[in-house]
Every structure is written in structure tokens, then in C-alpha cells.
Amino acid sequence: MIKKTKKILLPLLIAAICAGMLTGCGTRSSSSSAVPSTSPDASAASPDGALKGVTLKVGTSGLFGPFSYYDQDGKTLIGYDIDLIKALQGVLGFDIDGGQIQAMDYSALTTSVAEGKLDMAAAALCVTDERKAVIDFSNTYQDSGLVVMVNTDNSSGISSVEDLAGKTVAVEKGTASHAYATKILTDSTIQVHDTITTAYLSLEQGKVDAVIQDGPGAAFYIKTATDTKLKVVGDEFNQGQSPYALAFTKGFKYVDLFNAALDELEANGTMDKLADTWCK
């Protein structure tokens, strides 16, 4: 369902997440899935095998290629973040609860991490001050700016983000694009979608004037969508404000180990290989 609004105040969204987290604390089991019978040393010098025997509940979006999306069979999750999780498993040795990464939309994903229903999430999640208040993050593993997408059949005179005043702009709920649009584009009509897929479809059908999306996601859609009419106009903006990081439930004690594992993957060339495979 599409929700139309001129402006949704971001603090209200964060307050809702905070409230949800407090409720979750009251209902969580006293034995977290992230704590094995013998707790490993979270400050261990080497991350190699440091979380062997630890089972984590892991989430992703499944809606944001090339980072996390479904393969052609409609069942298998693939993408940069999926391969990153597997690489982190290879270093740290943790298991995934039920042997399966849980996929959900961004709003549900961040709320689930905040409430402790998930131990961690990897979904090209942007680090924001609002999110940092209710969830913990790893070090940044990718960075992205935002871009404006228009329909080539009718670009509505839009050639950059400066041309969006008075226009109807579609964004995905709970993303950096959503936060930017509601805060900055006060003279635009913001159309908030539960998934980026329906935002793209609205632009393909000429129901909105533009979509704002992370640069890699926009490029991936244009590259892979059949007979798309969409294109990116103007330069990336809001650069440096969309750092991607792993998200953890607040107080997660293995953040340092995950950061050490990310450093190891950077040093051994794995991160470069992921970028080459999924982002070029």
C-alpha cells in the first residue's frame, strides 16, 4: 500500500522504533540466541573462529539489488551482502539461526534489530544518528550517495535534485532516501512506498515524477530491468551521508569481532572481490 504525505517527521519514526525496542526488552528470553553455553572472548585478538558455537539471528531486505535480492527462482537470496555474511561466517565461525537469513522490508528490518528479534542485519543499511540511538553498527564497509531517477518518456523538466520542488517524488520507507526527502524536499510531494520495487513501478507508469534512490541500487535496476524507461539524471548528492554498515541489536557484545573480521576481509582482498562481482 502506498502512503502519500507532504512530510513525515523522522523523529516520529525513531520514537516508534524506540517504543518497539522497549516492548521487545520486556518480552525477550533471558537467554539470547547470540550467547552460547561457553561465551567466547569478545575482545579476542584474532577474529578467526572466535564465534564458533554461537548462533545468530540474521536479517536482510531481499529487496535491494545488488546488495540483497532474490535470484531468478524467486527463493534464493543473492547479492553483495549475502556473500559478505558468508565471508564473515568463514572468518568468525558463527551459525545462522535455522540455517536461513530472514528477509523483510527495511522498516521491519530495523525495528526487528532494535527490538532484539534479530541479532544483526546486513542490507546496505545506512548509518544515521537516529538509528544509532536504538541499534549498534559495525564500521562502514561501503558508502553511497543518492541519485534522482526519471522516466525517459517524460522527465518533467527534471535534470537534478534541485528541480524536484513541486514534483511528486517516490522513496522507499525507512531508507536514507526517505530521510533525505522528508527533511530536505519540503516543497515536494513525497510518496512513501513499502518497497523500492513499487516506487520504481510508479515511475515506470508515470504516476510520479521521480524516484530518489542510492546510487548502486539505481544503477543495478537500470542494468537489469527489462525494457525499463528509467534513467539517472544529475550527479550523486548527499555523498558521505549513506555509509553502509552491519546493524546489531543494542549492546551486542561481538561488534569488535565483526569489525576485526571486516578488516581481515579488506586485507585479504575479499571486499574488493565483492565490489568487483556485485557493484561494477
Protein backbone atom coordinates (compact mmCIF):
# COMPACT_ATOMS: atom_id res chain seq x y z
CA MET A 1 0.00 0.00 0.00
CA ILE A 2 1.31 3.47 -0.87
CA LYS A 3 1.14 6.19 1.71
CA LYS A 4 1.03 9.74 0.38
CA THR A 5 2.19 12.64 2.53
CA LYS A 6 3.79 16.01 2.19
CA LYS A 7 6.15 15.33 5.04
CA ILE A 8 6.67 12.58 7.60
CA LEU A 9 8.70 13.67 10.60
CA LEU A 10 11.68 11.37 11.08
CA PRO A 11 11.67 11.73 14.88
CA LEU A 12 8.22 10.13 14.95
CA LEU A 13 9.60 7.10 13.11
CA ILE A 14 12.52 6.82 15.51
CA ALA A 15 10.25 7.24 18.51
CA ALA A 16 8.18 4.35 17.23
CA ILE A 17 11.31 2.22 16.91
CA CYS A 18 12.41 3.18 20.42
CA ALA A 19 8.99 2.28 21.80
CA GLY A 20 9.13 -1.03 19.99
CA MET A 21 12.57 -1.73 21.42
CA LEU A 22 11.36 -1.13 24.97
CA THR A 23 8.48 -3.51 24.40
CA GLY A 24 10.84 -6.08 22.95
CA CYS A 25 13.09 -5.89 26.03
CA GLY A 26 10.13 -6.89 28.13
CA THR A 27 9.37 -9.96 26.05
CA ARG A 28 12.83 -11.26 25.14
CA SER A 29 14.07 -14.52 26.58
CA SER A 30 16.75 -14.18 29.20
CA SER A 31 19.00 -16.40 27.05
CA SER A 32 19.79 -14.61 23.80
CA SER A 33 20.49 -16.65 20.69
CA ALA A 34 23.82 -14.83 20.46
CA VAL A 35 25.13 -16.34 23.73
CA PRO A 36 26.48 -19.91 23.52
CA SER A 37 26.91 -22.21 26.50
CA THR A 38 30.52 -21.06 26.77
CA SER A 39 30.73 -17.39 25.85
CA PRO A 40 33.71 -16.56 23.62
CA ASP A 41 36.02 -13.68 24.44
CA ALA A 42 34.61 -10.69 22.57
CA SER A 43 37.94 -8.91 22.91
CA ALA A 44 39.97 -11.76 21.40
CA ALA A 45 42.94 -10.52 19.38
CA SER A 46 42.07 -12.61 16.30
CA PRO A 47 38.56 -12.97 14.89
CA ASP A 48 39.38 -16.33 13.29
CA GLY A 49 36.92 -18.87 14.66
CA ALA A 50 36.10 -16.57 17.59
CA LEU A 51 32.34 -17.16 17.33
CA LYS A 52 32.39 -20.90 16.75
CA GLY A 53 29.36 -22.34 18.55
CA VAL A 54 27.49 -19.03 18.51
CA THR A 55 24.13 -18.93 16.71
CA LEU A 56 22.88 -15.56 15.45
CA LYS A 57 19.55 -14.45 14.05
CA VAL A 58 20.46 -12.63 10.84
CA GLY A 59 18.24 -10.47 8.65
CA THR A 60 18.37 -8.73 5.29
CA SER A 61 15.96 -6.99 2.94
CA GLY A 62 15.92 -9.13 -0.19
CA LEU A 63 14.67 -6.04 -2.00
CA PHE A 64 17.78 -4.03 -2.80
CA GLY A 65 19.97 -5.32 -5.62
CA PRO A 66 22.87 -5.66 -5.96
CA PHE A 67 23.25 -5.96 -2.19
CA SER A 68 20.40 -8.29 -1.27
CA TYR A 69 17.77 -9.66 -3.64
CA TYR A 70 16.19 -12.85 -4.93
CA ASP A 71 17.64 -14.90 -7.75
CA GLN A 72 15.51 -15.84 -10.75
CA ASP A 73 13.96 -18.75 -8.85
CA GLY A 74 12.33 -16.22 -6.52
CA LYS A 75 13.56 -18.15 -3.47
CA THR A 76 17.33 -17.88 -3.26
CA LEU A 77 18.83 -14.74 -1.71
CA ILE A 78 21.90 -13.45 -3.53
CA GLY A 79 23.94 -10.25 -3.62
CA TYR A 80 26.85 -8.40 -2.07
CA ASP A 81 25.51 -8.56 1.48
CA ILE A 82 24.64 -12.24 1.23
CA ASP A 83 28.19 -13.06 0.13
CA LEU A 84 29.53 -10.75 2.84
CA ILE A 85 27.61 -12.66 5.52
CA LYS A 86 29.03 -15.94 4.19
CA ALA A 87 32.54 -14.48 4.22
CA LEU A 88 32.08 -13.28 7.81
CA GLN A 89 30.87 -16.75 8.75
CA GLY A 90 34.03 -18.15 7.21
CA VAL A 91 36.17 -15.93 9.42
CA LEU A 92 34.23 -15.90 12.68
CA GLY A 93 32.62 -19.34 12.55
CA PHE A 94 29.13 -18.40 13.76
CA ASP A 95 25.97 -20.22 12.72
CA ILE A 96 22.76 -18.65 11.42
CA ASP A 97 19.60 -19.47 13.33
CA GLY A 98 17.55 -22.00 11.40
CA GLY A 99 20.25 -22.03 8.71
CA GLN A 100 18.44 -19.21 6.92
CA ILE A 101 18.78 -15.43 6.66
CA GLN A 102 15.42 -13.75 7.35
CA ALA A 103 14.25 -11.33 4.64
CA MET A 104 11.90 -8.40 5.30
CA ASP A 105 11.34 -4.80 4.22
CA TYR A 106 13.58 -2.07 5.63
CA SER A 107 11.12 -0.72 8.18
CA ALA A 108 10.53 -4.16 9.68
CA LEU A 109 14.23 -4.98 9.46
CA THR A 110 15.45 -2.01 11.50
CA THR A 111 12.63 -2.43 14.01
CA SER A 112 13.45 -6.14 14.43
CA VAL A 113 17.09 -5.32 15.15
CA ALA A 114 16.08 -2.56 17.58
CA GLU A 115 13.70 -4.91 19.39
CA GLY A 116 16.24 -7.72 19.57
CA LYS A 117 14.23 -10.04 17.36
CA LEU A 118 17.30 -10.13 15.13
CA ASP A 119 20.88 -10.12 16.39
CA MET A 120 22.19 -8.48 13.24
CA ALA A 121 21.27 -7.33 9.76
CA ALA A 122 23.18 -6.84 6.52
CA ALA A 123 21.18 -4.94 3.93
CA ALA A 124 23.14 -1.89 2.76
CA LEU A 125 21.81 -0.20 5.90
CA CYS A 126 22.82 3.43 6.19
CA VAL A 127 24.27 4.63 9.48
CA THR A 128 22.25 7.59 10.77
CA ASP A 129 22.22 9.37 14.13
CA GLU A 130 18.59 8.35 14.57
CA ARG A 131 19.35 4.68 14.00
CA LYS A 132 22.46 4.81 16.20
CA ALA A 133 20.23 5.80 19.10
CA VAL A 134 18.47 2.41 19.01
CA ILE A 135 20.85 -0.02 17.27
CA ASP A 136 24.62 -0.55 17.08
CA PHE A 137 26.68 -0.54 13.88
CA SER A 138 29.91 -2.01 12.61
CA ASN A 139 32.49 0.06 10.82
CA THR A 140 31.43 1.19 7.34
CA TYR A 141 32.02 -1.35 4.57
CA GLN A 142 30.56 0.65 1.64
CA ASP A 143 29.48 4.23 1.01
CA SER A 144 26.95 5.71 -1.38
CA GLY A 145 25.36 8.93 -2.45
CA LEU A 146 21.78 9.39 -3.62
CA VAL A 147 20.56 9.91 -7.19
CA VAL A 148 17.41 11.13 -8.94
CA MET A 149 15.70 8.79 -11.39
CA VAL A 150 13.16 9.93 -14.01
CA ASN A 151 11.10 8.36 -16.78
CA THR A 152 12.64 8.95 -20.21
CA ASP A 153 9.16 9.31 -21.74
CA ASN A 154 8.51 12.34 -19.55
CA SER A 155 11.28 13.71 -17.37
CA SER A 156 9.02 16.60 -16.21
CA GLY A 157 11.89 19.02 -16.73
CA ILE A 158 13.95 17.34 -14.00
CA SER A 159 17.69 17.30 -14.58
CA SER A 160 18.94 17.26 -10.98
CA VAL A 161 17.77 17.18 -7.36
CA GLU A 162 17.37 20.97 -7.49
CA ASP A 163 14.44 20.53 -9.89
CA LEU A 164 12.22 18.49 -7.54
CA ALA A 165 10.31 21.40 -5.97
CA GLY A 166 6.62 21.00 -6.77
CA LYS A 167 7.16 17.46 -8.06
CA THR A 168 5.90 14.11 -6.76
CA VAL A 169 8.83 12.02 -5.59
CA ALA A 170 8.72 8.33 -4.64
CA VAL A 171 11.02 6.86 -1.98
CA GLU A 172 11.24 3.61 -0.06
CA LYS A 173 10.10 3.70 3.55
CA GLY A 174 12.82 3.68 6.19
CA THR A 175 15.75 4.38 3.86
CA ALA A 176 18.29 7.20 3.57
CA SER A 177 16.29 8.45 0.59
CA HIS A 178 13.18 8.64 2.77
CA ALA A 179 15.04 10.55 5.47
CA TYR A 180 16.53 12.98 2.95
CA ALA A 181 13.24 13.61 1.16
CA THR A 182 11.21 14.25 4.31
CA LYS A 183 13.86 16.57 5.74
CA ILE A 184 15.02 18.48 2.65
CA LEU A 185 12.33 18.29 -0.03
CA THR A 186 9.71 20.27 1.86
CA ASP A 187 8.30 21.74 -1.37
CA SER A 188 7.79 18.33 -2.96
CA THR A 189 5.03 15.78 -2.53
CA ILE A 190 6.68 12.70 -1.06
CA GLN A 191 5.13 9.33 -1.92
CA VAL A 192 6.37 6.69 0.52
CA HIS A 193 6.46 3.07 -0.66
CA ASP A 194 6.86 -0.06 1.42
CA THR A 195 9.35 -1.41 -1.14
CA ILE A 196 11.58 0.18 -3.76
CA THR A 197 10.01 -2.15 -6.34
CA THR A 198 6.67 -0.34 -6.19
CA ALA A 199 8.45 3.02 -6.26
CA TYR A 200 10.17 2.02 -9.49
CA LEU A 201 6.87 0.75 -10.91
CA SER A 202 5.11 4.03 -10.14
CA LEU A 203 7.80 5.91 -12.06
CA GLU A 204 7.70 3.41 -14.94
CA GLN A 205 3.93 4.02 -15.15
CA GLY A 206 4.28 7.81 -14.94
CA LYS A 207 2.41 8.02 -11.63
CA VAL A 208 5.25 10.02 -10.01
CA ASP A 209 7.78 12.47 -11.39
CA ALA A 210 10.91 10.99 -9.87
CA VAL A 211 12.41 8.40 -7.56
CA ILE A 212 15.29 9.04 -5.16
CA GLN A 213 17.48 6.01 -4.53
CA ASP A 214 21.01 5.04 -3.52
CA GLY A 215 23.37 5.18 -6.49
CA PRO A 216 24.25 1.45 -6.60
CA GLY A 217 20.61 0.39 -6.33
CA ALA A 218 19.54 2.73 -9.13
CA ALA A 219 22.35 1.57 -11.41
CA PHE A 220 21.53 -2.07 -10.73
CA TYR A 221 17.85 -1.60 -11.54
CA ILE A 222 18.56 0.18 -14.83
CA LYS A 223 21.11 -2.50 -15.77
CA THR A 224 18.87 -5.48 -15.03
CA ALA A 225 15.24 -4.36 -15.54
CA THR A 226 13.70 -5.46 -18.83
CA ASP A 227 12.57 -2.62 -21.12
CA THR A 228 12.93 -0.02 -18.38
CA LYS A 229 12.16 3.60 -19.18
CA LEU A 230 14.11 4.92 -16.21
CA LYS A 231 17.38 6.79 -16.17
CA VAL A 232 19.50 8.69 -13.64
CA VAL A 233 19.80 12.46 -14.06
CA GLY A 234 22.28 14.84 -12.46
CA ASP A 235 25.11 13.99 -10.11
CA GLU A 236 25.07 11.96 -6.92
CA PHE A 237 24.19 14.08 -3.89
CA ASN A 238 24.15 13.63 -0.13
CA GLN A 239 27.51 11.92 -0.61
CA GLY A 240 29.15 10.58 2.50
CA GLN A 241 25.79 10.54 4.24
CA SER A 242 24.86 6.99 3.23
CA PRO A 243 27.55 4.79 4.78
CA TYR A 244 26.60 1.11 4.72
CA ALA A 245 27.32 -0.93 7.83
CA LEU A 246 26.19 -4.07 9.61
CA ALA A 247 23.47 -3.40 12.16
CA PHE A 248 23.32 -5.09 15.57
CA THR A 249 20.85 -5.12 18.40
CA LYS A 250 21.84 -2.51 21.01
CA GLY A 251 24.55 -3.74 23.36
CA PHE A 252 25.61 -6.61 21.06
CA LYS A 253 28.96 -7.68 22.54
CA TYR A 254 30.61 -9.01 19.39
CA VAL A 255 30.73 -5.78 17.38
CA ASP A 256 34.51 -5.51 17.78
CA LEU A 257 34.95 -9.05 16.50
CA PHE A 258 32.86 -8.25 13.43
CA ASN A 259 34.93 -5.12 12.84
CA ALA A 260 38.11 -7.20 13.09
CA ALA A 261 36.63 -9.69 10.61
CA LEU A 262 35.76 -6.87 8.20
CA ASP A 263 39.37 -5.63 8.48
CA GLU A 264 40.62 -9.12 7.68
CA LEU A 265 38.34 -9.37 4.65
CA GLU A 266 39.61 -5.98 3.47
CA ALA A 267 43.23 -7.02 3.93
CA ASN A 268 42.89 -10.34 2.10
CA GLY A 269 41.11 -8.81 -0.89
CA THR A 270 37.66 -10.27 -0.26
CA MET A 271 35.98 -6.85 -0.09
CA ASP A 272 37.49 -5.88 -3.44
CA LYS A 273 36.24 -9.13 -4.95
CA LEU A 274 32.72 -8.47 -3.62
CA ALA A 275 32.77 -5.00 -5.15
CA ASP A 276 34.01 -6.34 -8.48
CA THR A 277 31.33 -9.05 -8.52
CA TRP A 278 28.31 -7.02 -7.48
CA CYS A 279 28.96 -3.30 -7.93
CA LYS A 280 30.57 -2.99 -11.35
